[in-house]
Protein backbone atom coordinates (compact mmCIF):
# COMPACT_ATOMS: atom_id res chain seq x y z
CA UNK A 1 0.00 0.00 0.00
CA UNK A 2 2.84 2.42 0.80
CA UNK A 3 4.47 1.65 -2.53
CA UNK A 4 1.24 2.48 -4.37
CA UNK A 5 0.98 5.81 -2.58
CA UNK A 6 4.63 6.57 -3.41
CA UNK A 7 4.00 5.82 -7.11
CA UNK A 8 0.91 8.02 -7.12
CA UNK A 9 2.79 10.93 -5.52
CA UNK A 10 5.64 10.49 -8.01
CA UNK A 11 3.23 10.48 -10.94
CA UNK A 12 1.57 13.66 -9.68
CA UNK A 13 4.92 15.41 -9.29
CA UNK A 14 6.01 14.45 -12.80
CA UNK A 15 2.67 15.49 -14.29
CA UNK A 16 3.01 18.90 -12.66
CA UNK A 17 6.21 19.70 -14.55
CA UNK A 18 5.62 21.69 -17.70
CA UNK A 19 8.32 21.82 -20.38
CA UNK A 20 6.56 24.63 -22.24
CA UNK A 21 6.10 26.96 -19.28
CA UNK A 22 9.12 29.12 -20.07
CA UNK A 23 8.68 29.37 -23.84
CA UNK A 24 8.04 32.83 -25.28
CA UNK A 25 4.69 33.53 -26.96
CA UNK A 26 4.50 31.88 -30.38
CA UNK A 27 7.40 29.46 -29.80
CA UNK A 28 7.00 25.69 -30.14
CA UNK A 29 9.17 22.76 -29.11
CA UNK A 30 8.69 20.57 -32.19
CA UNK A 31 9.84 22.16 -35.44
CA UNK A 32 10.14 19.05 -37.65
CA UNK A 33 7.01 19.46 -39.77
CA UNK A 34 7.13 21.96 -42.58
CA UNK A 35 4.02 23.93 -43.61
CA UNK A 36 1.97 22.27 -46.35
CA UNK A 37 0.89 24.18 -49.44
CA UNK A 38 -2.24 22.80 -51.10
CA UNK A 39 -2.42 23.92 -54.72
CA UNK A 40 -5.63 22.18 -55.86
CA UNK A 41 -8.31 21.88 -53.21
CA UNK A 42 -10.97 20.33 -55.48
PDB file of N, CA and C in Angstrom:
ATOM      1  N   UNK A   1       0.824  -1.188   0.000  1.00  0.00           N
ATOM      2  CA  UNK A   1       0.000   0.000   0.000  1.00  0.00           C
ATOM      3  C   UNK A   1       0.873   1.259   0.000  1.00  0.00           C
ATOM      4  N   UNK A   2       1.951   1.262   0.757  1.00  0.00           N
ATOM      5  CA  UNK A   2       2.841   2.419   0.802  1.00  0.00           C
ATOM      6  C   UNK A   2       3.517   2.638  -0.545  1.00  0.00           C
ATOM      7  N   UNK A   3       3.829   1.543  -1.223  1.00  0.00           N
ATOM      8  CA  UNK A   3       4.468   1.648  -2.531  1.00  0.00           C
ATOM      9  C   UNK A   3       3.511   2.278  -3.543  1.00  0.00           C
ATOM     10  N   UNK A   4       2.244   1.910  -3.478  1.00  0.00           N
ATOM     11  CA  UNK A   4       1.241   2.480  -4.373  1.00  0.00           C
ATOM     12  C   UNK A   4       1.108   3.992  -4.146  1.00  0.00           C
ATOM     13  N   UNK A   5       1.080   4.389  -2.900  1.00  0.00           N
ATOM     14  CA  UNK A   5       0.981   5.812  -2.576  1.00  0.00           C
ATOM     15  C   UNK A   5       2.220   6.549  -3.079  1.00  0.00           C
ATOM     16  N   UNK A   6       3.393   5.947  -2.939  1.00  0.00           N
ATOM     17  CA  UNK A   6       4.631   6.567  -3.412  1.00  0.00           C
ATOM     18  C   UNK A   6       4.604   6.722  -4.928  1.00  0.00           C
ATOM     19  N   UNK A   7       4.102   5.720  -5.658  1.00  0.00           N
ATOM     20  CA  UNK A   7       3.996   5.817  -7.115  1.00  0.00           C
ATOM     21  C   UNK A   7       3.010   6.902  -7.521  1.00  0.00           C
ATOM     22  N   UNK A   8       1.916   7.009  -6.798  1.00  0.00           N
ATOM     23  CA  UNK A   8       0.915   8.023  -7.122  1.00  0.00           C
ATOM     24  C   UNK A   8       1.467   9.434  -6.893  1.00  0.00           C
ATOM     25  N   UNK A   9       2.188   9.622  -5.795  1.00  0.00           N
ATOM     26  CA  UNK A   9       2.794  10.927  -5.519  1.00  0.00           C
ATOM     27  C   UNK A   9       3.839  11.255  -6.585  1.00  0.00           C
ATOM     28  N   UNK A  10       4.638  10.272  -6.965  1.00  0.00           N
ATOM     29  CA  UNK A  10       5.641  10.491  -8.006  1.00  0.00           C
ATOM     30  C   UNK A  10       5.008  10.852  -9.342  1.00  0.00           C
ATOM     31  N   UNK A  11       3.918  10.183  -9.684  1.00  0.00           N
ATOM     32  CA  UNK A  11       3.232  10.483 -10.939  1.00  0.00           C
ATOM     33  C   UNK A  11       2.654  11.892 -10.914  1.00  0.00           C
ATOM     34  N   UNK A  12       2.110  12.308  -9.790  1.00  0.00           N
ATOM     35  CA  UNK A  12       1.568  13.659  -9.677  1.00  0.00           C
ATOM     36  C   UNK A  12       2.658  14.719  -9.794  1.00  0.00           C
ATOM     37  N   UNK A  13       3.808  14.452  -9.205  1.00  0.00           N
ATOM     38  CA  UNK A  13       4.915  15.412  -9.290  1.00  0.00           C
ATOM     39  C   UNK A  13       5.432  15.532 -10.719  1.00  0.00           C
ATOM     40  N   UNK A  14       5.542  14.407 -11.413  1.00  0.00           N
ATOM     41  CA  UNK A  14       6.012  14.447 -12.796  1.00  0.00           C
ATOM     42  C   UNK A  14       4.992  15.101 -13.713  1.00  0.00           C
ATOM     43  N   UNK A  15       3.717  14.896 -13.454  1.00  0.00           N
ATOM     44  CA  UNK A  15       2.671  15.493 -14.287  1.00  0.00           C
ATOM     45  C   UNK A  15       2.603  17.000 -14.068  1.00  0.00           C
ATOM     46  N   UNK A  16       3.056  17.473 -12.946  1.00  0.00           N
ATOM     47  CA  UNK A  16       3.013  18.902 -12.657  1.00  0.00           C
ATOM     48  C   UNK A  16       4.114  19.688 -13.343  1.00  0.00           C
ATOM     49  N   UNK A  17       5.121  19.009 -13.867  1.00  0.00           N
ATOM     50  CA  UNK A  17       6.215  19.698 -14.552  1.00  0.00           C
ATOM     51  C   UNK A  17       5.794  20.029 -15.978  1.00  0.00           C
ATOM     52  N   UNK A  18       5.977  21.262 -16.355  1.00  0.00           N
ATOM     53  CA  UNK A  18       5.622  21.692 -17.703  1.00  0.00           C
ATOM     54  C   UNK A  18       6.888  22.100 -18.440  1.00  0.00           C
ATOM     55  N   UNK A  19       7.124  21.483 -19.600  1.00  0.00           N
ATOM     56  CA  UNK A  19       8.315  21.824 -20.376  1.00  0.00           C
ATOM     57  C   UNK A  19       8.092  23.052 -21.231  1.00  0.00           C
ATOM     58  N   UNK A  20       6.848  23.480 -21.395  1.00  0.00           N
ATOM     59  CA  UNK A  20       6.560  24.633 -22.240  1.00  0.00           C
ATOM     60  C   UNK A  20       6.252  25.883 -21.429  1.00  0.00           C
ATOM     61  N   UNK A  21       6.459  25.823 -20.135  1.00  0.00           N
ATOM     62  CA  UNK A  21       6.104  26.955 -19.277  1.00  0.00           C
ATOM     63  C   UNK A  21       6.956  28.186 -19.566  1.00  0.00           C
ATOM     64  N   UNK A  22       8.204  27.996 -19.907  1.00  0.00           N
ATOM     65  CA  UNK A  22       9.122  29.125 -20.068  1.00  0.00           C
ATOM     66  C   UNK A  22       9.346  29.514 -21.525  1.00  0.00           C
ATOM     67  N   UNK A  23       8.530  28.999 -22.443  1.00  0.00           N
ATOM     68  CA  UNK A  23       8.676  29.371 -23.844  1.00  0.00           C
ATOM     69  C   UNK A  23       8.032  30.730 -24.100  1.00  0.00           C
ATOM     70  N   UNK A  24       8.665  31.561 -24.919  1.00  0.00           N
ATOM     71  CA  UNK A  24       8.037  32.831 -25.283  1.00  0.00           C
ATOM     72  C   UNK A  24       6.779  32.599 -26.114  1.00  0.00           C
ATOM     73  N   UNK A  25       5.932  33.620 -26.206  1.00  0.00           N
ATOM     74  CA  UNK A  25       4.686  33.530 -26.956  1.00  0.00           C
ATOM     75  C   UNK A  25       4.987  33.231 -28.428  1.00  0.00           C
ATOM     76  N   UNK A  26       4.317  32.236 -28.980  1.00  0.00           N
ATOM     77  CA  UNK A  26       4.496  31.875 -30.383  1.00  0.00           C
ATOM     78  C   UNK A  26       5.576  30.838 -30.631  1.00  0.00           C
ATOM     79  N   UNK A  27       6.347  30.468 -29.636  1.00  0.00           N
ATOM     80  CA  UNK A  27       7.398  29.465 -29.799  1.00  0.00           C
ATOM     81  C   UNK A  27       6.822  28.067 -29.601  1.00  0.00           C
ATOM     82  N   UNK A  28       7.412  27.076 -30.289  1.00  0.00           N
ATOM     83  CA  UNK A  28       6.999  25.690 -30.136  1.00  0.00           C
ATOM     84  C   UNK A  28       8.238  24.825 -29.929  1.00  0.00           C
ATOM     85  N   UNK A  29       8.043  23.657 -29.341  1.00  0.00           N
ATOM     86  CA  UNK A  29       9.172  22.755 -29.110  1.00  0.00           C
ATOM     87  C   UNK A  29       9.502  21.934 -30.354  1.00  0.00           C
ATOM     88  N   UNK A  30       8.481  21.441 -31.033  1.00  0.00           N
ATOM     89  CA  UNK A  30       8.686  20.571 -32.192  1.00  0.00           C
ATOM     90  C   UNK A  30       8.680  21.406 -33.457  1.00  0.00           C
ATOM     91  N   UNK A  31       9.766  21.375 -34.207  1.00  0.00           N
ATOM     92  CA  UNK A  31       9.845  22.158 -35.444  1.00  0.00           C
ATOM     93  C   UNK A  31      10.106  21.266 -36.645  1.00  0.00           C
ATOM     94  N   UNK A  32       9.820  19.990 -36.577  1.00  0.00           N
ATOM     95  CA  UNK A  32      10.138  19.052 -37.646  1.00  0.00           C
ATOM     96  C   UNK A  32       9.198  19.094 -38.828  1.00  0.00           C
ATOM     97  N   UNK A  33       7.946  19.470 -38.658  1.00  0.00           N
ATOM     98  CA  UNK A  33       7.006  19.455 -39.769  1.00  0.00           C
ATOM     99  C   UNK A  33       6.999  20.802 -40.471  1.00  0.00           C
ATOM    100  N   UNK A  34       7.146  20.745 -41.772  1.00  0.00           N
ATOM    101  CA  UNK A  34       7.130  21.961 -42.579  1.00  0.00           C
ATOM    102  C   UNK A  34       5.684  22.297 -42.955  1.00  0.00           C
ATOM    103  N   UNK A  35       5.383  23.564 -43.198  1.00  0.00           N
ATOM    104  CA  UNK A  35       4.024  23.931 -43.606  1.00  0.00           C
ATOM    105  C   UNK A  35       3.669  23.308 -44.960  1.00  0.00           C
ATOM    106  N   UNK A  36       2.420  22.867 -45.100  1.00  0.00           N
ATOM    107  CA  UNK A  36       1.968  22.269 -46.354  1.00  0.00           C
ATOM    108  C   UNK A  36       1.283  23.330 -47.205  1.00  0.00           C
ATOM    109  N   UNK A  37       1.544  23.296 -48.498  1.00  0.00           N
ATOM    110  CA  UNK A  37       0.887  24.179 -49.438  1.00  0.00           C
ATOM    111  C   UNK A  37       0.005  23.317 -50.322  1.00  0.00           C
ATOM    112  N   UNK A  38      -1.290  23.556 -50.282  1.00  0.00           N
ATOM    113  CA  UNK A  38      -2.236  22.805 -51.105  1.00  0.00           C
ATOM    114  C   UNK A  38      -2.577  23.661 -52.320  1.00  0.00           C
ATOM    115  N   UNK A  39      -2.210  23.147 -53.512  1.00  0.00           N
ATOM    116  CA  UNK A  39      -2.424  23.923 -54.720  1.00  0.00           C
ATOM    117  C   UNK A  39      -3.818  23.714 -55.304  1.00  0.00           C
ATOM    118  N   UNK A  40      -4.339  22.502 -55.265  1.00  0.00           N
ATOM    119  CA  UNK A  40      -5.628  22.183 -55.859  1.00  0.00           C
ATOM    120  C   UNK A  40      -6.532  21.574 -54.811  1.00  0.00           C
ATOM    121  N   UNK A  41      -7.453  22.349 -54.285  1.00  0.00           N
ATOM    122  CA  UNK A  41      -8.314  21.875 -53.209  1.00  0.00           C
ATOM    123  C   UNK A  41      -9.493  21.043 -53.690  1.00  0.00           C
ATOM    124  N   UNK A  42      -9.806  21.078 -54.970  1.00  0.00           N
ATOM    125  CA  UNK A  42     -10.971  20.330 -55.475  1.00  0.00           C
ATOM    126  C   UNK A  42     -10.675  18.913 -55.736  1.00  0.00           C
TER     127      UNK A  42
END
